[in-house]
Protein backbone atom coordinates (compact mmCIF):
# COMPACT_ATOMS: atom_id res chain seq x y z
CA MET A 1 8.29 -36.92 4.30
CA THR A 2 5.16 -34.81 3.92
CA THR A 3 4.68 -31.08 3.59
CA ALA A 4 2.64 -31.15 6.80
CA GLU A 5 5.58 -32.72 8.70
CA HIS A 6 8.02 -30.19 7.27
CA PRO A 7 6.28 -26.90 6.42
CA ALA A 8 7.91 -24.75 3.75
CA LEU A 9 9.31 -22.18 6.19
CA THR A 10 10.62 -24.51 8.89
CA GLY A 11 13.89 -23.16 10.26
CA LEU A 12 13.49 -19.78 8.52
CA THR A 13 12.96 -16.35 10.08
CA VAL A 14 10.51 -13.85 8.58
CA ALA A 15 10.53 -10.20 9.67
CA VAL A 16 7.19 -8.37 9.41
CA THR A 17 7.33 -4.59 9.05
CA ALA A 18 3.56 -4.07 8.91
CA HIS A 19 1.62 -2.52 11.77
CA ARG A 20 -1.92 -3.08 10.49
CA ARG A 21 -2.82 -6.79 10.38
CA ALA A 22 0.65 -7.66 11.68
CA ALA A 23 -0.63 -10.43 13.94
CA GLU A 24 -2.60 -11.95 11.07
CA GLN A 25 0.43 -11.85 8.79
CA GLY A 26 2.78 -13.21 11.43
CA GLY A 27 0.36 -16.00 12.30
CA ALA A 28 0.12 -17.05 8.65
CA PHE A 29 3.90 -17.37 8.39
CA GLU A 30 4.09 -19.24 11.69
CA ARG A 31 1.57 -21.79 10.43
CA HIS A 32 4.04 -22.54 7.66
CA GLY A 33 6.80 -23.14 10.19
CA ALA A 34 8.54 -19.76 10.27
CA ARG A 35 9.94 -17.93 13.26
CA VAL A 36 8.45 -14.44 13.04
CA LEU A 37 10.07 -11.19 14.11
CA HIS A 38 7.81 -8.14 14.40
CA ALA A 39 9.33 -4.74 13.65
CA PRO A 40 6.47 -2.38 12.65
CA ALA A 41 7.70 0.52 10.55
CA LEU A 42 4.66 2.75 10.03
CA LYS A 43 1.03 2.90 11.01
CA LEU A 44 -2.02 4.57 9.55
CA ALA A 45 -3.20 7.60 11.47
CA PRO A 46 -6.20 9.85 10.85
CA VAL A 47 -5.21 13.39 9.99
CA ASP A 48 -4.96 15.62 13.05
CA GLU A 49 -7.98 17.65 12.08
CA ASP A 50 -10.95 16.44 10.04
CA ASP A 51 -11.84 19.96 8.90
CA ALA A 52 -9.98 19.59 5.61
CA VAL A 53 -11.54 16.18 4.98
CA PHE A 54 -15.00 17.54 5.72
CA ALA A 55 -14.31 20.49 3.40
CA THR A 56 -13.83 18.04 0.53
CA VAL A 57 -17.16 16.45 1.44
CA ARG A 58 -18.94 19.81 1.16
CA GLU A 59 -17.10 20.72 -2.07
CA THR A 60 -17.86 17.37 -3.67
CA ILE A 61 -21.57 17.69 -2.89
CA ALA A 62 -21.84 21.36 -3.86
CA THR A 63 -19.84 21.13 -7.09
CA PRO A 64 -19.43 17.48 -8.11
CA PRO A 65 -16.20 16.67 -9.98
CA ASP A 66 -16.28 14.93 -13.34
CA ALA A 67 -14.28 12.03 -11.95
CA VAL A 68 -13.09 10.64 -8.60
CA LEU A 69 -9.99 8.47 -8.15
CA VAL A 70 -10.16 6.21 -5.09
CA THR A 71 -6.74 4.82 -4.22
CA THR A 72 -7.48 2.81 -1.05
CA GLY A 73 -10.51 1.16 0.46
CA TYR A 74 -9.51 2.40 3.92
CA GLY A 75 -9.23 5.98 2.66
CA PHE A 76 -12.63 5.88 0.97
CA ASP A 77 -14.21 4.38 4.09
CA ARG A 78 -12.74 7.08 6.32
CA TRP A 79 -13.80 9.87 3.94
CA LEU A 80 -17.34 8.51 4.10
CA ARG A 81 -17.23 8.20 7.91
CA VAL A 82 -16.25 11.88 8.23
CA ALA A 83 -19.21 12.75 5.99
CA GLU A 84 -21.52 10.60 8.14
CA GLN A 85 -20.34 12.36 11.31
CA GLU A 86 -21.58 15.62 9.81
CA GLY A 87 -24.85 14.08 8.59
CA LEU A 88 -23.78 14.19 4.93
CA GLY A 89 -22.95 10.54 4.28
CA ASP A 90 -26.01 9.87 2.11
CA GLU A 91 -25.51 13.06 0.12
CA LEU A 92 -21.86 12.21 -0.56
CA LEU A 93 -22.79 8.72 -1.75
CA LYS A 94 -25.56 10.13 -3.95
CA THR A 95 -23.05 12.51 -5.52
CA LEU A 96 -20.48 9.77 -6.11
CA ARG A 97 -23.10 7.57 -7.74
CA GLY A 98 -23.61 10.30 -10.33
CA VAL A 99 -19.99 10.77 -11.44
CA VAL A 100 -17.23 8.62 -12.94
CA VAL A 101 -15.40 6.81 -10.13
CA MET A 102 -12.26 4.74 -10.65
CA ALA A 103 -10.43 2.50 -8.17
CA ARG A 104 -6.69 1.86 -7.90
CA GLY A 105 -7.23 -1.78 -6.98
CA ALA A 106 -9.64 -4.50 -5.92
CA LYS A 107 -9.88 -3.42 -2.26
CA ALA A 108 -10.92 0.09 -3.20
CA ARG A 109 -13.40 -1.29 -5.74
CA GLY A 110 -14.86 -3.57 -3.06
CA GLN A 111 -15.52 -0.63 -0.74
CA LEU A 112 -17.20 1.28 -3.56
CA GLN A 113 -19.41 -1.66 -4.49
CA ALA A 114 -20.35 -2.22 -0.83
CA LYS A 115 -21.76 1.33 -0.78
CA GLY A 116 -23.56 1.03 -4.11
CA VAL A 117 -21.09 3.24 -6.02
CA THR A 118 -20.40 2.05 -9.55
CA CYS A 119 -16.71 1.59 -10.30
CA ALA A 120 -16.09 2.61 -13.91
CA TYR A 121 -12.56 1.20 -13.97
CA THR A 122 -10.31 -0.83 -11.66
CA GLY A 123 -6.56 -0.60 -12.07
CA ALA A 124 -4.64 -3.80 -12.72
CA SER A 125 -1.18 -2.54 -11.74
CA GLY A 126 -1.99 -1.09 -8.33
CA ARG A 127 -0.46 2.24 -9.40
CA THR A 128 -2.15 5.63 -9.28
CA ALA A 129 -0.37 6.42 -12.54
CA GLU A 130 -2.60 3.91 -14.33
CA LEU A 131 -5.72 5.81 -13.29
CA VAL A 132 -4.16 9.10 -14.32
CA ASP A 133 -3.33 7.59 -17.72
CA ARG A 134 -7.00 6.69 -18.17
CA VAL A 135 -8.17 10.16 -17.14
CA LEU A 136 -5.75 11.93 -19.49
CA ALA A 137 -6.83 9.64 -22.32
CA GLY A 138 -10.47 10.58 -21.74
CA ASP A 139 -11.37 7.00 -20.89
CA PRO A 140 -13.70 5.67 -19.48
CA ALA A 141 -15.46 9.04 -19.68
CA ALA A 142 -16.46 10.19 -23.14
CA GLN A 143 -14.04 13.09 -22.87
CA ARG A 144 -11.23 14.30 -20.63
CA PRO A 145 -12.77 15.51 -17.34
CA ALA A 146 -12.35 19.15 -16.32
CA THR A 147 -12.26 18.40 -12.58
CA VAL A 148 -10.95 15.36 -10.72
CA THR A 149 -10.98 14.55 -7.01
CA VAL A 150 -8.17 12.27 -5.86
CA GLN A 151 -8.24 10.39 -2.55
CA VAL A 152 -4.56 10.00 -1.70
CA HIS A 153 -3.09 7.21 0.39
CA GLY A 154 -0.86 8.10 3.32
CA THR A 155 1.73 9.94 1.28
CA THR A 156 0.63 12.18 -1.57
CA ASP A 157 1.82 11.17 -5.04
CA GLU A 158 2.61 14.71 -6.19
CA GLU A 159 3.95 13.52 -9.55
CA GLN A 160 0.57 12.14 -10.57
CA LEU A 161 -1.29 15.20 -9.32
CA GLU A 162 1.02 17.39 -11.40
CA ARG A 163 0.36 15.25 -14.47
CA LEU A 164 -3.35 15.93 -14.08
CA ARG A 165 -2.80 19.66 -13.59
CA ALA A 166 -0.46 19.79 -16.58
CA GLY A 167 -3.29 18.28 -18.61
CA GLY A 168 -5.47 21.27 -17.77
CA ILE A 169 -7.52 19.45 -15.13
CA ALA A 170 -8.55 21.08 -11.86
CA VAL A 171 -7.53 18.76 -9.03
CA ARG A 172 -9.01 18.39 -5.56
CA VAL A 173 -7.24 16.21 -3.02
CA VAL A 174 -8.77 14.21 -0.18
CA VAL A 175 -6.32 13.21 2.58
CA PRO A 176 -8.27 10.97 5.01
CA TYR A 177 -5.19 9.55 6.73
CA GLN A 178 -1.40 9.78 6.91
CA TRP A 179 1.52 7.56 7.84
CA GLU A 180 3.31 7.96 11.16
CA SER A 181 6.16 6.04 12.73
CA ALA A 182 5.29 2.81 14.53
CA ASP A 183 8.90 2.13 15.50
CA GLU A 184 9.06 1.73 19.26
CA GLY A 185 12.32 0.97 21.00
CA SER A 186 14.36 1.21 17.78
CA ARG A 187 13.15 -2.15 16.52
CA LEU A 188 13.84 -1.11 12.93
CA ALA A 189 17.48 -0.43 13.76
CA GLY A 190 17.62 -3.86 15.35
CA LEU A 191 16.06 -5.38 12.23
CA VAL A 192 18.71 -3.70 10.09
CA ARG A 193 21.46 -5.27 12.18
CA ASP A 194 19.79 -8.69 12.04
CA VAL A 195 19.46 -8.53 8.24
CA VAL A 196 23.09 -7.51 7.84
CA ALA A 197 24.17 -10.29 10.23
CA GLY A 198 22.33 -12.88 8.15
CA GLU A 199 19.80 -13.72 10.85
CA ILE A 200 16.70 -12.89 8.76
CA ASP A 201 15.64 -14.94 5.74
CA TYR A 202 12.72 -12.79 4.54
CA VAL A 203 11.58 -9.26 5.33
CA THR A 204 8.05 -8.33 4.26
CA PHE A 205 6.60 -4.97 3.23
CA THR A 206 2.94 -4.13 2.65
CA ALA A 207 3.46 -0.40 1.89
CA ALA A 208 6.18 1.45 0.01
CA PRO A 209 6.77 3.98 2.83
CA ALA A 210 7.73 1.07 5.09
CA VAL A 211 10.66 0.35 2.76
CA ASP A 212 11.76 3.97 3.04
CA ALA A 213 11.42 3.77 6.84
CA LEU A 214 13.73 0.74 6.97
CA PHE A 215 16.23 2.47 4.70
CA ASP A 216 16.14 5.56 6.96
CA ALA A 217 16.76 3.35 10.00
CA ALA A 218 19.73 1.79 8.21
CA ARG A 219 21.18 5.23 7.44
CA SER A 220 20.75 6.26 11.07
CA VAL A 221 22.99 3.38 12.23
CA GLY A 222 25.44 3.74 9.33
CA ALA A 223 24.45 0.44 7.73
CA TYR A 224 22.54 1.46 4.59
CA ASP A 225 25.05 0.01 2.13
CA GLU A 226 25.29 -3.22 4.13
CA LEU A 227 21.50 -3.57 4.28
CA VAL A 228 21.02 -2.97 0.57
CA GLY A 229 23.89 -5.34 -0.19
CA ALA A 230 22.31 -8.13 1.87
CA LEU A 231 18.99 -7.67 0.07
CA ARG A 232 20.56 -7.44 -3.39
CA GLU A 233 22.60 -10.58 -2.85
CA GLY A 234 19.65 -12.53 -1.48
CA ARG A 235 21.20 -13.23 1.91
CA CYS A 236 17.87 -11.86 3.05
CA THR A 237 15.00 -11.76 0.54
CA ALA A 238 12.73 -8.72 0.42
CA VAL A 239 9.02 -9.38 -0.06
CA ALA A 240 6.67 -6.68 -1.39
CA ILE A 241 2.92 -7.11 -1.62
CA GLY A 242 2.59 -5.33 -4.97
CA PRO A 243 4.17 -3.21 -7.71
CA VAL A 244 3.85 0.09 -5.83
CA CYS A 245 5.39 -1.41 -2.71
CA VAL A 246 8.35 -2.91 -4.59
CA GLN A 247 9.23 0.36 -6.35
CA PRO A 248 11.60 1.82 -3.70
CA LEU A 249 13.37 -1.56 -3.51
CA GLU A 250 13.93 -1.59 -7.26
CA GLU A 251 15.12 2.02 -7.17
CA ALA A 252 17.77 0.89 -4.67
CA GLY A 253 18.90 -1.82 -7.09
CA ILE A 254 17.12 -4.65 -5.25
CA THR A 255 15.59 -6.48 -8.21
CA ASN A 256 15.15 -9.94 -6.70
CA ALA A 257 12.23 -9.18 -4.36
CA VAL A 258 9.37 -11.66 -4.09
CA VAL A 259 6.13 -10.09 -5.38
CA PRO A 260 2.89 -12.11 -5.52
CA GLU A 261 0.73 -12.06 -8.64
CA ARG A 262 -2.27 -10.94 -6.57
CA PHE A 263 -1.86 -8.03 -4.15
CA ARG A 264 -3.22 -9.95 -1.17
CA LEU A 265 -1.79 -11.12 2.15
CA GLY A 266 -2.57 -14.78 1.45
CA ALA A 267 -0.95 -14.57 -1.97
CA MET A 268 2.14 -12.98 -0.43
CA VAL A 269 2.49 -15.78 2.13
CA LYS A 270 2.10 -18.39 -0.62
CA ALA A 271 4.72 -16.63 -2.78
CA VAL A 272 7.21 -16.75 0.10
CA CYS A 273 6.51 -20.44 0.67
CA ASP A 274 6.98 -21.19 -3.03
CA HIS A 275 10.24 -19.22 -3.06
CA ALA A 276 11.51 -21.10 0.00
CA ARG A 277 10.67 -24.48 -1.55
CA GLU A 278 12.46 -23.55 -4.78
CA ALA A 279 15.50 -22.34 -2.84
CA ALA A 280 15.55 -25.57 -0.79
CA SER A 281 15.34 -27.71 -3.93
CA ARG A 282 18.34 -25.89 -5.38
C-alpha cells in the first residue's frame, strides 16, 4: 500500500480561509487527497486614496529616516508602485539604499533584494516586535535611530508603534493596503457550522485577521464557544502559516494548532500531511 495510492489527506476535508492564492492552496491539498472547502475571510485591498501613500514617498525622499521597517513584500511593492506612478520610483529606491532597512521575513527581504535595497536584518520570528526590539537596542545601526518609517501590513500594530514612540523615536507609517471582507453569501457562518458539526478536519489561516474574522462570524451565529471548543479539542485542527497568524488562536486557548517551521504555503501543506499521517498511525 503506497503513499501514492493512499495520499495523506484521503477522506479528509480542509477548509481554506485565504482569498489570495486560494486556488493554489486548495489545489495543493487536493493533490494530497483532500476535499477542499473554500470560505475566504478577508482580501487585500489598496487604500481608497493613494494620497497618503504618496505623501510618505515625498517625505521619505525629502527627509530620509534613519531606519525603515518593511513588514510585507506586497506592501513594499505597492509603496514602490505608487512612487513609480508619480515618477519618483528611482528616487525612493535611491533613498532606501542609503538608510538602514530591515525586513519582517523572507518575502519582504526578497522584494528588497530584487530592487537592489540592502536588507540589514531579517526577522526570524515573523513578528514586527522583533524588528522593534532591534531598533530599540540600537542594532544593527550603530546607535538608536531618531526616525523610523514603518510599512504596516493590513492592520496597524499600534502596540509596536507606541513602543518606538515611547523610546523617543519619531515614527512615520506607510499604509499601502488594508484588509476588507471577502465573505460572500455568509460562507464563514457556514464554515462555523461545519466545524462545530465535525464535518471539517482542518481549517487553514494565512493571516491573523482571518482568524478574527472567523471568530466574529461564530459570534454572529451564536456559536463562538462551540467553535473554539471544537478547535481546542482537535475535532477540527486549526492550521496557521506562522507565529503571527497563530497568535489569536493561542489567545483563545487553542494551543494545538499546526504551524510549519517555515512560513511558506508548501511547508504548511506538508505540515498538515505530516499531522494527518501521525493521527492516522495513532
